[in-house]
Amino acid sequence: MSEGETTDSRSAGAGAHVVPFPRAAPQVSFHRDELRVILNLYGRMVSEGEWRDYTIDFTREKAVFAIHRRTSERPLYRIEKDPRLARRQGAYAVIAETGRILKRGHDLAQVLRVLEKPLRVV
């Protein structure tokens, strides 16, 4: 062997078999603008005393923002983003505690209007 050569089996060309790590599917998440719209509504409803807590869950299939009346209870509403439905019914949905879909669509602000309280004349 000449000077500078190595006998290490990890060196290039030594017949080592490189196995790439499997790439995990990216998680679906809410973008900053989507979270701004959701948290604006959430803040208004918290100030009115309607909602008290929330949870966020990101999976490979969908992102879920769940709204709770109390921390220990099941969510009152779930705001879901499912990109697989984007071309058909719309990626966004508001789902009630019972599992009933209240509204589905392509525009998040429009879908969230189902959760807005109607204005009252005082």
N, C-alpha and C. Protein backbone atom coordinates (compact mmCIF):
# COMPACT_ATOMS: atom_id res chain seq x y z
N MET A 1 0.84 -1.17 0.00
CA MET A 1 0.00 0.00 0.00
C MET A 1 0.88 1.23 0.00
N SER A 2 0.40 2.24 -0.70
CA SER A 2 1.15 3.49 -0.71
C SER A 2 0.69 4.36 0.44
N GLU A 3 1.44 5.38 0.69
CA GLU A 3 1.12 6.27 1.79
C GLU A 3 -0.19 7.01 1.50
N GLY A 4 -1.08 7.14 2.47
CA GLY A 4 -2.35 7.85 2.32
C GLY A 4 -3.51 6.93 2.02
N GLU A 5 -3.23 5.65 1.66
CA GLU A 5 -4.33 4.71 1.41
C GLU A 5 -4.76 4.09 2.72
N THR A 6 -6.03 3.72 2.81
CA THR A 6 -6.53 3.10 4.03
C THR A 6 -7.11 1.75 3.71
N THR A 7 -7.15 0.91 4.69
CA THR A 7 -7.76 -0.41 4.53
C THR A 7 -9.11 -0.46 5.22
N ASP A 8 -9.61 0.68 5.64
CA ASP A 8 -10.89 0.76 6.34
C ASP A 8 -12.00 0.36 5.38
N SER A 9 -12.90 -0.52 5.79
CA SER A 9 -13.98 -0.98 4.92
C SER A 9 -15.04 0.09 4.72
N ARG A 10 -14.98 1.15 5.52
CA ARG A 10 -15.96 2.23 5.36
C ARG A 10 -15.56 3.20 4.27
N SER A 11 -14.38 3.12 3.76
CA SER A 11 -13.95 4.08 2.75
C SER A 11 -14.66 3.81 1.43
N ALA A 12 -14.72 4.81 0.60
CA ALA A 12 -15.42 4.71 -0.68
C ALA A 12 -14.75 3.66 -1.55
N GLY A 13 -15.53 2.88 -2.24
CA GLY A 13 -15.01 1.90 -3.17
C GLY A 13 -14.58 0.61 -2.50
N ALA A 14 -14.80 0.43 -1.24
CA ALA A 14 -14.38 -0.78 -0.54
C ALA A 14 -15.48 -1.84 -0.58
N GLY A 15 -16.52 -1.62 -1.37
CA GLY A 15 -17.59 -2.60 -1.48
C GLY A 15 -18.63 -2.49 -0.38
N ALA A 16 -18.58 -1.41 0.36
CA ALA A 16 -19.58 -1.21 1.42
C ALA A 16 -20.93 -0.91 0.80
N HIS A 17 -21.96 -1.49 1.36
CA HIS A 17 -23.32 -1.29 0.86
C HIS A 17 -23.99 -0.22 1.71
N VAL A 18 -24.39 0.88 1.10
CA VAL A 18 -25.02 1.98 1.81
C VAL A 18 -26.53 1.83 1.70
N VAL A 19 -27.20 1.78 2.85
CA VAL A 19 -28.65 1.67 2.88
C VAL A 19 -29.20 3.01 3.35
N PRO A 20 -29.95 3.70 2.48
CA PRO A 20 -30.49 5.00 2.91
C PRO A 20 -31.61 4.80 3.93
N PHE A 21 -31.73 5.77 4.83
CA PHE A 21 -32.82 5.73 5.79
C PHE A 21 -34.13 5.98 5.07
N PRO A 22 -35.18 5.25 5.43
CA PRO A 22 -36.47 5.53 4.77
C PRO A 22 -36.97 6.90 5.18
N ARG A 23 -37.45 7.64 4.21
CA ARG A 23 -37.97 8.97 4.49
C ARG A 23 -39.37 8.85 5.06
N ALA A 24 -39.57 9.49 6.17
CA ALA A 24 -40.90 9.51 6.78
C ALA A 24 -41.79 10.45 5.98
N ALA A 25 -43.03 10.06 5.83
CA ALA A 25 -43.98 10.92 5.13
C ALA A 25 -44.13 12.22 5.91
N PRO A 26 -44.17 13.34 5.23
CA PRO A 26 -44.29 14.61 5.95
C PRO A 26 -45.64 14.71 6.66
N GLN A 27 -45.62 15.38 7.78
CA GLN A 27 -46.86 15.58 8.53
C GLN A 27 -47.65 16.72 7.91
N VAL A 28 -48.95 16.60 7.99
CA VAL A 28 -49.84 17.68 7.57
C VAL A 28 -49.91 18.65 8.73
N SER A 29 -49.77 19.93 8.45
CA SER A 29 -49.84 20.92 9.52
C SER A 29 -50.56 22.16 9.01
N PHE A 30 -50.91 23.01 9.94
CA PHE A 30 -51.51 24.28 9.59
C PHE A 30 -50.40 25.29 9.32
N HIS A 31 -50.56 26.08 8.28
CA HIS A 31 -49.61 27.14 7.98
C HIS A 31 -49.87 28.33 8.90
N ARG A 32 -48.96 29.25 8.92
CA ARG A 32 -49.06 30.41 9.81
C ARG A 32 -50.36 31.19 9.58
N ASP A 33 -50.73 31.43 8.34
CA ASP A 33 -51.96 32.19 8.05
C ASP A 33 -53.20 31.43 8.50
N GLU A 34 -53.19 30.10 8.34
CA GLU A 34 -54.32 29.30 8.79
C GLU A 34 -54.44 29.34 10.31
N LEU A 35 -53.32 29.23 11.00
CA LEU A 35 -53.36 29.31 12.47
C LEU A 35 -53.81 30.68 12.94
N ARG A 36 -53.42 31.73 12.23
CA ARG A 36 -53.85 33.08 12.60
C ARG A 36 -55.37 33.19 12.56
N VAL A 37 -55.98 32.67 11.50
CA VAL A 37 -57.44 32.72 11.36
C VAL A 37 -58.11 31.91 12.47
N ILE A 38 -57.59 30.72 12.73
CA ILE A 38 -58.18 29.86 13.76
C ILE A 38 -58.02 30.49 15.15
N LEU A 39 -56.83 30.99 15.46
CA LEU A 39 -56.60 31.55 16.79
C LEU A 39 -57.32 32.87 17.01
N ASN A 40 -57.59 33.63 15.94
CA ASN A 40 -58.41 34.84 16.09
C ASN A 40 -59.82 34.47 16.55
N LEU A 41 -60.41 33.47 15.90
CA LEU A 41 -61.73 33.00 16.31
C LEU A 41 -61.67 32.43 17.73
N TYR A 42 -60.66 31.63 18.01
CA TYR A 42 -60.52 31.03 19.34
C TYR A 42 -60.42 32.11 20.41
N GLY A 43 -59.63 33.14 20.17
CA GLY A 43 -59.47 34.23 21.14
C GLY A 43 -60.78 34.95 21.43
N ARG A 44 -61.56 35.20 20.37
CA ARG A 44 -62.86 35.85 20.56
C ARG A 44 -63.79 35.00 21.40
N MET A 45 -63.81 33.70 21.14
CA MET A 45 -64.71 32.81 21.87
C MET A 45 -64.24 32.60 23.32
N VAL A 46 -62.95 32.63 23.55
CA VAL A 46 -62.45 32.54 24.93
C VAL A 46 -62.84 33.79 25.70
N SER A 47 -62.74 34.97 25.06
CA SER A 47 -63.10 36.21 25.75
C SER A 47 -64.59 36.27 26.06
N GLU A 48 -65.42 35.55 25.28
CA GLU A 48 -66.85 35.47 25.56
C GLU A 48 -67.18 34.38 26.58
N GLY A 49 -66.18 33.60 26.97
CA GLY A 49 -66.39 32.55 27.97
C GLY A 49 -66.94 31.25 27.40
N GLU A 50 -66.97 31.10 26.09
CA GLU A 50 -67.52 29.89 25.46
C GLU A 50 -66.52 28.73 25.47
N TRP A 51 -65.28 29.01 25.13
CA TRP A 51 -64.25 27.98 25.02
C TRP A 51 -63.17 28.25 26.04
N ARG A 52 -62.48 27.18 26.45
CA ARG A 52 -61.45 27.35 27.46
C ARG A 52 -60.11 26.71 27.11
N ASP A 53 -60.09 25.73 26.22
CA ASP A 53 -58.85 25.02 25.96
C ASP A 53 -58.85 24.51 24.53
N TYR A 54 -57.66 24.18 24.03
CA TYR A 54 -57.55 23.60 22.70
C TYR A 54 -56.40 22.61 22.66
N THR A 55 -56.44 21.73 21.68
CA THR A 55 -55.33 20.81 21.40
C THR A 55 -55.08 20.83 19.91
N ILE A 56 -53.84 20.57 19.54
CA ILE A 56 -53.47 20.50 18.13
C ILE A 56 -52.80 19.15 17.90
N ASP A 57 -53.18 18.49 16.82
CA ASP A 57 -52.60 17.19 16.48
C ASP A 57 -52.23 17.19 15.01
N PHE A 58 -50.99 16.81 14.71
CA PHE A 58 -50.52 16.72 13.33
C PHE A 58 -50.18 15.26 13.03
N THR A 59 -50.80 14.70 12.00
CA THR A 59 -50.51 13.34 11.57
C THR A 59 -50.13 13.36 10.10
N ARG A 60 -49.88 12.21 9.54
CA ARG A 60 -49.54 12.13 8.11
C ARG A 60 -50.76 12.41 7.23
N GLU A 61 -51.95 12.12 7.75
CA GLU A 61 -53.16 12.27 6.95
C GLU A 61 -53.82 13.63 7.11
N LYS A 62 -53.83 14.17 8.34
CA LYS A 62 -54.56 15.41 8.58
C LYS A 62 -54.00 16.16 9.77
N ALA A 63 -54.36 17.43 9.84
CA ALA A 63 -54.06 18.28 10.99
C ALA A 63 -55.38 18.60 11.67
N VAL A 64 -55.39 18.55 13.00
CA VAL A 64 -56.63 18.75 13.75
C VAL A 64 -56.40 19.80 14.84
N PHE A 65 -57.27 20.79 14.89
CA PHE A 65 -57.31 21.78 15.96
C PHE A 65 -58.61 21.50 16.70
N ALA A 66 -58.52 20.97 17.92
CA ALA A 66 -59.71 20.60 18.70
C ALA A 66 -59.98 21.65 19.76
N ILE A 67 -61.24 22.03 19.89
CA ILE A 67 -61.67 23.08 20.82
C ILE A 67 -62.46 22.44 21.95
N HIS A 68 -62.09 22.77 23.19
CA HIS A 68 -62.71 22.18 24.37
C HIS A 68 -63.40 23.24 25.22
N ARG A 69 -64.51 22.87 25.82
CA ARG A 69 -65.16 23.75 26.79
C ARG A 69 -64.40 23.68 28.11
N ARG A 70 -64.02 22.47 28.50
CA ARG A 70 -63.19 22.25 29.68
C ARG A 70 -62.06 21.30 29.28
N THR A 71 -60.97 21.38 30.00
CA THR A 71 -59.81 20.58 29.65
C THR A 71 -60.09 19.09 29.69
N SER A 72 -60.88 18.65 30.63
CA SER A 72 -61.09 17.21 30.81
C SER A 72 -62.16 16.63 29.90
N GLU A 73 -62.84 17.45 29.14
CA GLU A 73 -63.93 16.96 28.30
C GLU A 73 -63.47 16.66 26.88
N ARG A 74 -64.34 15.97 26.17
CA ARG A 74 -64.12 15.74 24.74
C ARG A 74 -64.23 17.08 24.01
N PRO A 75 -63.62 17.19 22.85
CA PRO A 75 -63.69 18.48 22.14
C PRO A 75 -65.11 18.80 21.66
N LEU A 76 -65.47 20.07 21.80
CA LEU A 76 -66.76 20.53 21.27
C LEU A 76 -66.74 20.49 19.75
N TYR A 77 -65.66 21.00 19.18
CA TYR A 77 -65.50 21.07 17.73
C TYR A 77 -64.09 20.67 17.36
N ARG A 78 -63.96 20.13 16.16
CA ARG A 78 -62.66 19.84 15.57
C ARG A 78 -62.57 20.56 14.24
N ILE A 79 -61.50 21.30 14.04
CA ILE A 79 -61.22 21.93 12.76
C ILE A 79 -60.15 21.06 12.12
N GLU A 80 -60.48 20.43 11.00
CA GLU A 80 -59.57 19.49 10.37
C GLU A 80 -59.13 19.99 9.01
N LYS A 81 -57.86 19.72 8.71
CA LYS A 81 -57.30 19.99 7.39
C LYS A 81 -56.84 18.65 6.83
N ASP A 82 -57.49 18.22 5.76
CA ASP A 82 -57.18 16.94 5.12
C ASP A 82 -56.87 17.20 3.65
N PRO A 83 -55.59 17.28 3.26
CA PRO A 83 -55.24 17.62 1.87
C PRO A 83 -55.74 16.62 0.84
N ARG A 84 -56.04 15.39 1.24
CA ARG A 84 -56.54 14.40 0.28
C ARG A 84 -57.91 14.80 -0.26
N LEU A 85 -58.67 15.60 0.50
CA LEU A 85 -60.00 16.01 0.07
C LEU A 85 -60.00 17.39 -0.60
N ALA A 86 -58.84 17.98 -0.79
CA ALA A 86 -58.75 19.35 -1.29
C ALA A 86 -59.39 19.53 -2.66
N ARG A 87 -59.26 18.58 -3.54
CA ARG A 87 -59.83 18.74 -4.89
C ARG A 87 -61.31 18.39 -4.96
N ARG A 88 -61.79 17.65 -4.00
CA ARG A 88 -63.19 17.25 -4.03
C ARG A 88 -64.06 18.18 -3.19
N GLN A 89 -64.11 17.92 -1.90
CA GLN A 89 -65.03 18.65 -1.02
C GLN A 89 -64.38 19.85 -0.36
N GLY A 90 -63.09 19.92 -0.39
CA GLY A 90 -62.36 20.98 0.30
C GLY A 90 -61.53 20.40 1.42
N ALA A 91 -60.38 20.97 1.65
CA ALA A 91 -59.45 20.42 2.63
C ALA A 91 -59.87 20.70 4.07
N TYR A 92 -60.74 21.69 4.29
CA TYR A 92 -61.09 22.12 5.65
C TYR A 92 -62.48 21.63 6.03
N ALA A 93 -62.61 21.25 7.31
CA ALA A 93 -63.91 20.82 7.82
C ALA A 93 -64.03 21.20 9.28
N VAL A 94 -65.26 21.53 9.70
CA VAL A 94 -65.58 21.74 11.10
C VAL A 94 -66.51 20.60 11.50
N ILE A 95 -66.10 19.86 12.52
CA ILE A 95 -66.83 18.67 12.94
C ILE A 95 -67.27 18.85 14.39
N ALA A 96 -68.53 18.57 14.65
CA ALA A 96 -69.10 18.71 16.00
C ALA A 96 -68.67 17.54 16.88
N GLU A 97 -68.98 17.65 18.17
CA GLU A 97 -68.63 16.62 19.14
C GLU A 97 -69.24 15.27 18.78
N THR A 98 -70.40 15.28 18.17
CA THR A 98 -71.09 14.05 17.79
C THR A 98 -70.51 13.39 16.55
N GLY A 99 -69.61 14.08 15.85
CA GLY A 99 -69.03 13.54 14.62
C GLY A 99 -69.69 14.09 13.37
N ARG A 100 -70.71 14.89 13.54
CA ARG A 100 -71.43 15.48 12.40
C ARG A 100 -70.57 16.58 11.77
N ILE A 101 -70.45 16.57 10.45
CA ILE A 101 -69.70 17.60 9.74
C ILE A 101 -70.61 18.81 9.60
N LEU A 102 -70.22 19.91 10.24
CA LEU A 102 -71.03 21.13 10.20
C LEU A 102 -70.79 21.91 8.92
N LYS A 103 -69.56 21.95 8.46
CA LYS A 103 -69.25 22.69 7.23
C LYS A 103 -67.94 22.15 6.69
N ARG A 104 -67.85 22.11 5.36
CA ARG A 104 -66.64 21.67 4.66
C ARG A 104 -66.43 22.60 3.49
N GLY A 105 -65.17 22.90 3.18
CA GLY A 105 -64.92 23.77 2.04
C GLY A 105 -63.45 23.98 1.76
N HIS A 106 -63.20 24.84 0.76
CA HIS A 106 -61.84 25.13 0.31
C HIS A 106 -61.25 26.34 1.02
N ASP A 107 -62.08 27.22 1.56
CA ASP A 107 -61.63 28.45 2.21
C ASP A 107 -61.83 28.33 3.71
N LEU A 108 -60.74 28.38 4.47
CA LEU A 108 -60.82 28.18 5.92
C LEU A 108 -61.68 29.23 6.60
N ALA A 109 -61.52 30.50 6.23
CA ALA A 109 -62.31 31.57 6.87
C ALA A 109 -63.81 31.35 6.65
N GLN A 110 -64.18 30.93 5.47
CA GLN A 110 -65.59 30.67 5.16
C GLN A 110 -66.11 29.48 5.96
N VAL A 111 -65.30 28.44 6.11
CA VAL A 111 -65.71 27.25 6.85
C VAL A 111 -65.89 27.58 8.33
N LEU A 112 -65.03 28.45 8.87
CA LEU A 112 -65.10 28.78 10.30
C LEU A 112 -66.28 29.67 10.66
N ARG A 113 -66.93 30.24 9.67
CA ARG A 113 -68.09 31.10 9.95
C ARG A 113 -69.23 30.33 10.61
N VAL A 114 -69.25 29.02 10.45
CA VAL A 114 -70.28 28.21 11.09
C VAL A 114 -70.15 28.27 12.62
N LEU A 115 -68.97 28.59 13.12
CA LEU A 115 -68.74 28.67 14.56
C LEU A 115 -68.97 30.06 15.13
N GLU A 116 -69.11 31.05 14.28
CA GLU A 116 -69.33 32.43 14.71
C GLU A 116 -70.73 32.56 15.31
N LYS A 117 -70.83 33.31 16.36
CA LYS A 117 -72.14 33.57 16.94
C LYS A 117 -72.80 34.70 16.17
N PRO A 118 -74.10 34.59 15.90
CA PRO A 118 -74.78 35.68 15.22
C PRO A 118 -74.84 36.93 16.12
N LEU A 119 -74.78 38.09 15.49
CA LEU A 119 -74.86 39.34 16.25
C LEU A 119 -76.27 39.53 16.79
N ARG A 120 -76.36 40.09 18.00
CA ARG A 120 -77.65 40.32 18.62
C ARG A 120 -77.90 41.83 18.70
N VAL A 121 -79.12 42.22 18.60
CA VAL A 121 -79.50 43.62 18.78
C VAL A 121 -79.66 43.83 20.27
N VAL A 122 -79.01 44.86 20.78
CA VAL A 122 -79.06 45.15 22.22
C VAL A 122 -80.01 46.27 22.49
